[in-house]
Amino acid sequence: MAESTFSKISWTEFRPDQRRLTTGAALTGAGMLVSAAGVGLLVFELVRAGRTWTGGWEVSPGELASRTLHQAQTAAQAGRDAWRTYEEQAV
């Protein structure tokens, strides 16, 4: 079996600079914290704007959802009734 190039590498010579690795890790952590703070601020502002926008509606979002659900249920019942009527006429 032939030896691979990977097994011929002398890993004892691989010595990264610990100070640079530590600095890179610290900068990465700080960047992640800044990014998380940015996402949090973005979500907060979107929620605030959405609540302000929907607060100005004449009908509340809950009432709109209730009406739409009732319309969907009524339409589904009408579809079932039409299907049953069609089947009875076909027979």
PDB file of N, CA and C in Angstrom:
ATOM      1  N   MET A   1       0.842  -1.168   0.000  1.00  0.00           N
ATOM      2  CA  MET A   1       0.000   0.000   0.000  1.00  0.00           C
ATOM      3  C   MET A   1       0.893   1.239   0.000  1.00  0.00           C
ATOM      4  N   ALA A   2       0.623   2.166  -0.879  1.00  0.00           N
ATOM      5  CA  ALA A   2       1.453   3.362  -1.006  1.00  0.00           C
ATOM      6  C   ALA A   2       1.142   4.348   0.112  1.00  0.00           C
ATOM      7  N   GLU A   3       2.175   5.029   0.581  1.00  0.00           N
ATOM      8  CA  GLU A   3       1.979   6.036   1.617  1.00  0.00           C
ATOM      9  C   GLU A   3       1.415   7.309   0.999  1.00  0.00           C
ATOM     10  N   SER A   4       0.507   7.918   1.701  1.00  0.00           N
ATOM     11  CA  SER A   4      -0.071   9.156   1.192  1.00  0.00           C
ATOM     12  C   SER A   4       0.835  10.336   1.546  1.00  0.00           C
ATOM     13  N   THR A   5       0.628  11.417   0.847  1.00  0.00           N
ATOM     14  CA  THR A   5       1.389  12.633   1.122  1.00  0.00           C
ATOM     15  C   THR A   5       1.090  13.136   2.525  1.00  0.00           C
ATOM     16  N   PHE A   6      -0.150  12.930   2.973  1.00  0.00           N
ATOM     17  CA  PHE A   6      -0.559  13.376   4.297  1.00  0.00           C
ATOM     18  C   PHE A   6       0.278  12.719   5.387  1.00  0.00           C
ATOM     19  N   SER A   7       0.591  11.439   5.235  1.00  0.00           N
ATOM     20  CA  SER A   7       1.349  10.744   6.267  1.00  0.00           C
ATOM     21  C   SER A   7       2.825  11.124   6.244  1.00  0.00           C
ATOM     22  N   LYS A   8       3.283  11.758   5.177  1.00  0.00           N
ATOM     23  CA  LYS A   8       4.693  12.151   5.070  1.00  0.00           C
ATOM     24  C   LYS A   8       4.955  13.537   5.669  1.00  0.00           C
ATOM     25  N   ILE A   9       3.916  14.261   6.032  1.00  0.00           N
ATOM     26  CA  ILE A   9       4.087  15.603   6.569  1.00  0.00           C
ATOM     27  C   ILE A   9       4.588  15.516   8.005  1.00  0.00           C
ATOM     28  N   SER A  10       5.549  16.335   8.324  1.00  0.00           N
ATOM     29  CA  SER A  10       6.081  16.379   9.680  1.00  0.00           C
ATOM     30  C   SER A  10       5.262  17.386  10.485  1.00  0.00           C
ATOM     31  N   TRP A  11       4.345  16.881  11.320  1.00  0.00           N
ATOM     32  CA  TRP A  11       3.464  17.752  12.076  1.00  0.00           C
ATOM     33  C   TRP A  11       4.166  18.425  13.238  1.00  0.00           C
ATOM     34  N   THR A  12       5.350  17.997  13.583  1.00  0.00           N
ATOM     35  CA  THR A  12       6.091  18.649  14.663  1.00  0.00           C
ATOM     36  C   THR A  12       6.579  20.028  14.238  1.00  0.00           C
ATOM     37  N   GLU A  13       6.618  20.289  12.943  1.00  0.00           N
ATOM     38  CA  GLU A  13       7.050  21.594  12.435  1.00  0.00           C
ATOM     39  C   GLU A  13       5.889  22.595  12.357  1.00  0.00           C
ATOM     40  N   PHE A  14       4.685  22.134  12.533  1.00  0.00           N
ATOM     41  CA  PHE A  14       3.505  23.009  12.450  1.00  0.00           C
ATOM     42  C   PHE A  14       3.330  23.683  13.801  1.00  0.00           C
ATOM     43  N   ARG A  15       3.718  24.946  13.884  1.00  0.00           N
ATOM     44  CA  ARG A  15       3.628  25.687  15.148  1.00  0.00           C
ATOM     45  C   ARG A  15       3.071  27.076  14.882  1.00  0.00           C
ATOM     46  N   PRO A  16       1.746  27.237  14.937  1.00  0.00           N
ATOM     47  CA  PRO A  16       1.173  28.566  14.724  1.00  0.00           C
ATOM     48  C   PRO A  16       1.489  29.490  15.900  1.00  0.00           C
ATOM     49  N   ASP A  17       1.523  30.780  15.624  1.00  0.00           N
ATOM     50  CA  ASP A  17       1.807  31.789  16.642  1.00  0.00           C
ATOM     51  C   ASP A  17       0.600  31.879  17.585  1.00  0.00           C
ATOM     52  N   GLN A  18       0.796  31.523  18.838  1.00  0.00           N
ATOM     53  CA  GLN A  18      -0.289  31.493  19.821  1.00  0.00           C
ATOM     54  C   GLN A  18      -0.896  32.873  20.053  1.00  0.00           C
ATOM     55  N   ARG A  19      -0.063  33.920  20.018  1.00  0.00           N
ATOM     56  CA  ARG A  19      -0.559  35.270  20.241  1.00  0.00           C
ATOM     57  C   ARG A  19      -1.517  35.678  19.117  1.00  0.00           C
ATOM     58  N   ARG A  20      -1.184  35.344  17.882  1.00  0.00           N
ATOM     59  CA  ARG A  20      -2.056  35.670  16.756  1.00  0.00           C
ATOM     60  C   ARG A  20      -3.342  34.845  16.783  1.00  0.00           C
ATOM     61  N   LEU A  21      -3.227  33.590  17.190  1.00  0.00           N
ATOM     62  CA  LEU A  21      -4.433  32.764  17.312  1.00  0.00           C
ATOM     63  C   LEU A  21      -5.362  33.330  18.386  1.00  0.00           C
ATOM     64  N   THR A  22      -4.800  33.746  19.515  1.00  0.00           N
ATOM     65  CA  THR A  22      -5.594  34.313  20.599  1.00  0.00           C
ATOM     66  C   THR A  22      -6.237  35.622  20.160  1.00  0.00           C
ATOM     67  N   THR A  23      -5.468  36.468  19.476  1.00  0.00           N
ATOM     68  CA  THR A  23      -5.996  37.733  18.977  1.00  0.00           C
ATOM     69  C   THR A  23      -7.123  37.486  17.979  1.00  0.00           C
ATOM     70  N   GLY A  24      -6.943  36.537  17.071  1.00  0.00           N
ATOM     71  CA  GLY A  24      -7.974  36.203  16.094  1.00  0.00           C
ATOM     72  C   GLY A  24      -9.238  35.686  16.749  1.00  0.00           C
ATOM     73  N   ALA A  25      -9.070  34.844  17.762  1.00  0.00           N
ATOM     74  CA  ALA A  25     -10.230  34.307  18.480  1.00  0.00           C
ATOM     75  C   ALA A  25     -10.968  35.418  19.226  1.00  0.00           C
ATOM     76  N   ALA A  26     -10.216  36.339  19.836  1.00  0.00           N
ATOM     77  CA  ALA A  26     -10.840  37.446  20.566  1.00  0.00           C
ATOM     78  C   ALA A  26     -11.602  38.359  19.605  1.00  0.00           C
ATOM     79  N   LEU A  27     -11.012  38.666  18.459  1.00  0.00           N
ATOM     80  CA  LEU A  27     -11.692  39.507  17.473  1.00  0.00           C
ATOM     81  C   LEU A  27     -12.943  38.820  16.923  1.00  0.00           C
ATOM     82  N   THR A  28     -12.860  37.518  16.724  1.00  0.00           N
ATOM     83  CA  THR A  28     -14.019  36.769  16.251  1.00  0.00           C
ATOM     84  C   THR A  28     -15.141  36.821  17.282  1.00  0.00           C
ATOM     85  N   GLY A  29     -14.811  36.633  18.548  1.00  0.00           N
ATOM     86  CA  GLY A  29     -15.817  36.707  19.613  1.00  0.00           C
ATOM     87  C   GLY A  29     -16.435  38.093  19.710  1.00  0.00           C
ATOM     88  N   ALA A  30     -15.605  39.125  19.614  1.00  0.00           N
ATOM     89  CA  ALA A  30     -16.126  40.491  19.675  1.00  0.00           C
ATOM     90  C   ALA A  30     -17.033  40.765  18.476  1.00  0.00           C
ATOM     91  N   GLY A  31     -16.642  40.286  17.321  1.00  0.00           N
ATOM     92  CA  GLY A  31     -17.473  40.469  16.132  1.00  0.00           C
ATOM     93  C   GLY A  31     -18.813  39.769  16.263  1.00  0.00           C
ATOM     94  N   MET A  32     -18.808  38.596  16.875  1.00  0.00           N
ATOM     95  CA  MET A  32     -20.063  37.871  17.068  1.00  0.00           C
ATOM     96  C   MET A  32     -20.979  38.625  18.033  1.00  0.00           C
ATOM     97  N   LEU A  33     -20.407  39.220  19.073  1.00  0.00           N
ATOM     98  CA  LEU A  33     -21.215  40.002  20.021  1.00  0.00           C
ATOM     99  C   LEU A  33     -21.807  41.238  19.357  1.00  0.00           C
ATOM    100  N   VAL A  34     -21.014  41.926  18.552  1.00  0.00           N
ATOM    101  CA  VAL A  34     -21.513  43.105  17.846  1.00  0.00           C
ATOM    102  C   VAL A  34     -22.604  42.695  16.865  1.00  0.00           C
ATOM    103  N   SER A  35     -22.398  41.588  16.184  1.00  0.00           N
ATOM    104  CA  SER A  35     -23.393  41.089  15.234  1.00  0.00           C
ATOM    105  C   SER A  35     -24.695  40.727  15.952  1.00  0.00           C
ATOM    106  N   ALA A  36     -24.596  40.056  17.082  1.00  0.00           N
ATOM    107  CA  ALA A  36     -25.792  39.681  17.849  1.00  0.00           C
ATOM    108  C   ALA A  36     -26.530  40.930  18.335  1.00  0.00           C
ATOM    109  N   ALA A  37     -25.785  41.943  18.762  1.00  0.00           N
ATOM    110  CA  ALA A  37     -26.424  43.189  19.198  1.00  0.00           C
ATOM    111  C   ALA A  37     -27.137  43.853  18.018  1.00  0.00           C
ATOM    112  N   GLY A  38     -26.525  43.809  16.854  1.00  0.00           N
ATOM    113  CA  GLY A  38     -27.150  44.389  15.664  1.00  0.00           C
ATOM    114  C   GLY A  38     -28.431  43.675  15.291  1.00  0.00           C
ATOM    115  N   VAL A  39     -28.418  42.361  15.351  1.00  0.00           N
ATOM    116  CA  VAL A  39     -29.627  41.583  15.036  1.00  0.00           C
ATOM    117  C   VAL A  39     -30.716  41.876  16.061  1.00  0.00           C
ATOM    118  N   GLY A  40     -30.341  41.970  17.331  1.00  0.00           N
ATOM    119  CA  GLY A  40     -31.323  42.284  18.367  1.00  0.00           C
ATOM    120  C   GLY A  40     -31.966  43.644  18.148  1.00  0.00           C
ATOM    121  N   LEU A  41     -31.159  44.637  17.791  1.00  0.00           N
ATOM    122  CA  LEU A  41     -31.686  45.977  17.520  1.00  0.00           C
ATOM    123  C   LEU A  41     -32.603  45.967  16.301  1.00  0.00           C
ATOM    124  N   LEU A  42     -32.223  45.230  15.280  1.00  0.00           N
ATOM    125  CA  LEU A  42     -33.038  45.112  14.067  1.00  0.00           C
ATOM    126  C   LEU A  42     -34.405  44.501  14.386  1.00  0.00           C
ATOM    127  N   VAL A  43     -34.425  43.417  15.119  1.00  0.00           N
ATOM    128  CA  VAL A  43     -35.680  42.744  15.469  1.00  0.00           C
ATOM    129  C   VAL A  43     -36.543  43.653  16.340  1.00  0.00           C
ATOM    130  N   PHE A  44     -35.928  44.316  17.309  1.00  0.00           N
ATOM    131  CA  PHE A  44     -36.668  45.229  18.181  1.00  0.00           C
ATOM    132  C   PHE A  44     -37.354  46.319  17.359  1.00  0.00           C
ATOM    133  N   GLU A  45     -36.630  46.922  16.435  1.00  0.00           N
ATOM    134  CA  GLU A  45     -37.197  48.011  15.638  1.00  0.00           C
ATOM    135  C   GLU A  45     -38.302  47.516  14.715  1.00  0.00           C
ATOM    136  N   LEU A  46     -38.132  46.327  14.127  1.00  0.00           N
ATOM    137  CA  LEU A  46     -39.178  45.777  13.259  1.00  0.00           C
ATOM    138  C   LEU A  46     -40.451  45.481  14.051  1.00  0.00           C
ATOM    139  N   VAL A  47     -40.309  44.946  15.238  1.00  0.00           N
ATOM    140  CA  VAL A  47     -41.476  44.666  16.081  1.00  0.00           C
ATOM    141  C   VAL A  47     -42.154  45.968  16.490  1.00  0.00           C
ATOM    142  N   ARG A  48     -41.364  46.967  16.895  1.00  0.00           N
ATOM    143  CA  ARG A  48     -41.929  48.251  17.295  1.00  0.00           C
ATOM    144  C   ARG A  48     -42.684  48.898  16.145  1.00  0.00           C
ATOM    145  N   ALA A  49     -42.079  48.903  14.959  1.00  0.00           N
ATOM    146  CA  ALA A  49     -42.732  49.508  13.795  1.00  0.00           C
ATOM    147  C   ALA A  49     -43.997  48.743  13.416  1.00  0.00           C
ATOM    148  N   GLY A  50     -43.957  47.432  13.489  1.00  0.00           N
ATOM    149  CA  GLY A  50     -45.132  46.621  13.169  1.00  0.00           C
ATOM    150  C   GLY A  50     -46.281  46.872  14.130  1.00  0.00           C
ATOM    151  N   ARG A  51     -45.957  46.982  15.417  1.00  0.00           N
ATOM    152  CA  ARG A  51     -47.010  47.246  16.410  1.00  0.00           C
ATOM    153  C   ARG A  51     -47.614  48.631  16.208  1.00  0.00           C
ATOM    154  N   THR A  52     -46.774  49.606  15.885  1.00  0.00           N
ATOM    155  CA  THR A  52     -47.280  50.956  15.634  1.00  0.00           C
ATOM    156  C   THR A  52     -48.170  50.973  14.393  1.00  0.00           C
ATOM    157  N   TRP A  53     -47.730  50.274  13.359  1.00  0.00           N
ATOM    158  CA  TRP A  53     -48.472  50.236  12.101  1.00  0.00           C
ATOM    159  C   TRP A  53     -49.836  49.576  12.288  1.00  0.00           C
ATOM    160  N   THR A  54     -49.852  48.404  12.913  1.00  0.00           N
ATOM    161  CA  THR A  54     -51.124  47.696  13.101  1.00  0.00           C
ATOM    162  C   THR A  54     -52.001  48.367  14.145  1.00  0.00           C
ATOM    163  N   GLY A  55     -51.403  49.139  15.050  1.00  0.00           N
ATOM    164  CA  GLY A  55     -52.189  49.851  16.056  1.00  0.00           C
ATOM    165  C   GLY A  55     -53.062  50.939  15.447  1.00  0.00           C
ATOM    166  N   GLY A  56     -52.686  51.410  14.260  1.00  0.00           N
ATOM    167  CA  GLY A  56     -53.469  52.441  13.589  1.00  0.00           C
ATOM    168  C   GLY A  56     -54.595  51.902  12.725  1.00  0.00           C
ATOM    169  N   TRP A  57     -54.714  50.606  12.615  1.00  0.00           N
ATOM    170  CA  TRP A  57     -55.772  50.013  11.797  1.00  0.00           C
ATOM    171  C   TRP A  57     -57.117  50.178  12.486  1.00  0.00           C
ATOM    172  N   GLU A  58     -58.173  50.288  11.681  1.00  0.00           N
ATOM    173  CA  GLU A  58     -59.521  50.392  12.243  1.00  0.00           C
ATOM    174  C   GLU A  58     -59.968  49.069  12.870  1.00  0.00           C
ATOM    175  N   VAL A  59     -59.524  47.967  12.278  1.00  0.00           N
ATOM    176  CA  VAL A  59     -59.871  46.636  12.773  1.00  0.00           C
ATOM    177  C   VAL A  59     -58.586  45.974  13.262  1.00  0.00           C
ATOM    178  N   SER A  60     -58.628  45.384  14.437  1.00  0.00           N
ATOM    179  CA  SER A  60     -57.426  44.775  15.007  1.00  0.00           C
ATOM    180  C   SER A  60     -57.019  43.541  14.201  1.00  0.00           C
ATOM    181  N   PRO A  61     -55.720  43.198  14.222  1.00  0.00           N
ATOM    182  CA  PRO A  61     -55.271  42.002  13.511  1.00  0.00           C
ATOM    183  C   PRO A  61     -55.972  40.725  13.980  1.00  0.00           C
ATOM    184  N   GLY A  62     -56.282  40.643  15.249  1.00  0.00           N
ATOM    185  CA  GLY A  62     -57.000  39.471  15.766  1.00  0.00           C
ATOM    186  C   GLY A  62     -58.389  39.344  15.166  1.00  0.00           C
ATOM    187  N   GLU A  63     -59.073  40.472  15.038  1.00  0.00           N
ATOM    188  CA  GLU A  63     -60.400  40.468  14.429  1.00  0.00           C
ATOM    189  C   GLU A  63     -60.317  40.110  12.946  1.00  0.00           C
ATOM    190  N   LEU A  64     -59.300  40.640  12.258  1.00  0.00           N
ATOM    191  CA  LEU A  64     -59.111  40.286  10.843  1.00  0.00           C
ATOM    192  C   LEU A  64     -58.867  38.788  10.685  1.00  0.00           C
ATOM    193  N   ALA A  65     -58.036  38.228  11.560  1.00  0.00           N
ATOM    194  CA  ALA A  65     -57.756  36.793  11.504  1.00  0.00           C
ATOM    195  C   ALA A  65     -59.018  35.980  11.765  1.00  0.00           C
ATOM    196  N   SER A  66     -59.823  36.424  12.727  1.00  0.00           N
ATOM    197  CA  SER A  66     -61.072  35.728  13.046  1.00  0.00           C
ATOM    198  C   SER A  66     -62.031  35.755  11.855  1.00  0.00           C
ATOM    199  N   ARG A  67     -62.145  36.914  11.217  1.00  0.00           N
ATOM    200  CA  ARG A  67     -63.026  37.025  10.053  1.00  0.00           C
ATOM    201  C   ARG A  67     -62.548  36.135   8.910  1.00  0.00           C
ATOM    202  N   THR A  68     -61.234  36.148   8.660  1.00  0.00           N
ATOM    203  CA  THR A  68     -60.681  35.346   7.568  1.00  0.00           C
ATOM    204  C   THR A  68     -60.881  33.857   7.837  1.00  0.00           C
ATOM    205  N   LEU A  69     -60.698  33.433   9.088  1.00  0.00           N
ATOM    206  CA  LEU A  69     -60.927  32.031   9.442  1.00  0.00           C
ATOM    207  C   LEU A  69     -62.385  31.658   9.199  1.00  0.00           C
ATOM    208  N   HIS A  70     -63.298  32.522   9.599  1.00  0.00           N
ATOM    209  CA  HIS A  70     -64.720  32.250   9.392  1.00  0.00           C
ATOM    210  C   HIS A  70     -65.033  32.160   7.896  1.00  0.00           C
ATOM    211  N   GLN A  71     -64.453  33.043   7.094  1.00  0.00           N
ATOM    212  CA  GLN A  71     -64.666  32.998   5.644  1.00  0.00           C
ATOM    213  C   GLN A  71     -64.133  31.691   5.057  1.00  0.00           C
ATOM    214  N   ALA A  72     -62.956  31.261   5.510  1.00  0.00           N
ATOM    215  CA  ALA A  72     -62.376  30.011   5.006  1.00  0.00           C
ATOM    216  C   ALA A  72     -63.243  28.814   5.396  1.00  0.00           C
ATOM    217  N   GLN A  73     -63.750  28.807   6.623  1.00  0.00           N
ATOM    218  CA  GLN A  73     -64.622  27.705   7.053  1.00  0.00           C
ATOM    219  C   GLN A  73     -65.914  27.679   6.249  1.00  0.00           C
ATOM    220  N   THR A  74     -66.475  28.851   5.989  1.00  0.00           N
ATOM    221  CA  THR A  74     -67.705  28.938   5.207  1.00  0.00           C
ATOM    222  C   THR A  74     -67.461  28.465   3.772  1.00  0.00           C
ATOM    223  N   ALA A  75     -66.341  28.876   3.196  1.00  0.00           N
ATOM    224  CA  ALA A  75     -66.011  28.466   1.830  1.00  0.00           C
ATOM    225  C   ALA A  75     -65.777  26.958   1.753  1.00  0.00           C
ATOM    226  N   ALA A  76     -65.117  26.398   2.765  1.00  0.00           N
ATOM    227  CA  ALA A  76     -64.888  24.952   2.779  1.00  0.00           C
ATOM    228  C   ALA A  76     -66.208  24.194   2.877  1.00  0.00           C
ATOM    229  N   GLN A  77     -67.108  24.671   3.715  1.00  0.00           N
ATOM    230  CA  GLN A  77     -68.417  24.023   3.846  1.00  0.00           C
ATOM    231  C   GLN A  77     -69.194  24.122   2.538  1.00  0.00           C
ATOM    232  N   ALA A  78     -69.136  25.277   1.872  1.00  0.00           N
ATOM    233  CA  ALA A  78     -69.827  25.436   0.587  1.00  0.00           C
ATOM    234  C   ALA A  78     -69.240  24.480  -0.451  1.00  0.00           C
ATOM    235  N   GLY A  79     -67.938  24.301  -0.448  1.00  0.00           N
ATOM    236  CA  GLY A  79     -67.302  23.361  -1.371  1.00  0.00           C
ATOM    237  C   GLY A  79     -67.738  21.928  -1.114  1.00  0.00           C
ATOM    238  N   ARG A  80     -67.796  21.550   0.180  1.00  0.00           N
ATOM    239  CA  ARG A  80     -68.263  20.196   0.519  1.00  0.00           C
ATOM    240  C   ARG A  80     -69.711  19.983   0.075  1.00  0.00           C
ATOM    241  N   ASP A  81     -70.545  20.976   0.345  1.00  0.00           N
ATOM    242  CA  ASP A  81     -71.955  20.865  -0.045  1.00  0.00           C
ATOM    243  C   ASP A  81     -72.105  20.752  -1.561  1.00  0.00           C
ATOM    244  N   ALA A  82     -71.345  21.557  -2.298  1.00  0.00           N
ATOM    245  CA  ALA A  82     -71.411  21.503  -3.765  1.00  0.00           C
ATOM    246  C   ALA A  82     -70.940  20.145  -4.273  1.00  0.00           C
ATOM    247  N   TRP A  83     -69.907  19.585  -3.660  1.00  0.00           N
ATOM    248  CA  TRP A  83     -69.398  18.271  -4.078  1.00  0.00           C
ATOM    249  C   TRP A  83     -70.447  17.188  -3.824  1.00  0.00           C
ATOM    250  N   ARG A  84     -71.079  17.239  -2.655  1.00  0.00           N
ATOM    251  CA  ARG A  84     -72.096  16.237  -2.329  1.00  0.00           C
ATOM    252  C   ARG A  84     -73.306  16.355  -3.262  1.00  0.00           C
ATOM    253  N   THR A  85     -73.710  17.586  -3.551  1.00  0.00           N
ATOM    254  CA  THR A  85     -74.839  17.814  -4.454  1.00  0.00           C
ATOM    255  C   THR A  85     -74.507  17.290  -5.848  1.00  0.00           C
ATOM    256  N   TYR A  86     -73.289  17.501  -6.306  1.00  0.00           N
ATOM    257  CA  TYR A  86     -72.863  17.036  -7.614  1.00  0.00           C
ATOM    258  C   TYR A  86     -72.875  15.507  -7.655  1.00  0.00           C
ATOM    259  N   GLU A  87     -72.366  14.876  -6.589  1.00  0.00           N
ATOM    260  CA  GLU A  87     -72.342  13.410  -6.564  1.00  0.00           C
ATOM    261  C   GLU A  87     -73.764  12.842  -6.588  1.00  0.00           C
ATOM    262  N   GLU A  88     -74.681  13.474  -5.849  1.00  0.00           N
ATOM    263  CA  GLU A  88     -76.061  12.995  -5.832  1.00  0.00           C
ATOM    264  C   GLU A  88     -76.716  13.138  -7.185  1.00  0.00           C
ATOM    265  N   GLN A  89     -76.426  14.213  -7.917  1.00  0.00           N
ATOM    266  CA  GLN A  89     -77.010  14.428  -9.239  1.00  0.00           C
ATOM    267  C   GLN A  89     -76.401  13.487 -10.264  1.00  0.00           C
ATOM    268  N   ALA A  90     -75.154  13.112 -10.095  1.00  0.00           N
ATOM    269  CA  ALA A  90     -74.476  12.237 -11.054  1.00  0.00           C
ATOM    270  C   ALA A  90     -74.987  10.811 -10.956  1.00  0.00           C
ATOM    271  N   VAL A  91     -75.458  10.429  -9.793  1.00  0.00           N
ATOM    272  CA  VAL A  91     -75.924   9.054  -9.583  1.00  0.00           C
ATOM    273  C   VAL A  91     -77.278   8.860 -10.069  1.00  0.00           C
TER     274      VAL A  91
END
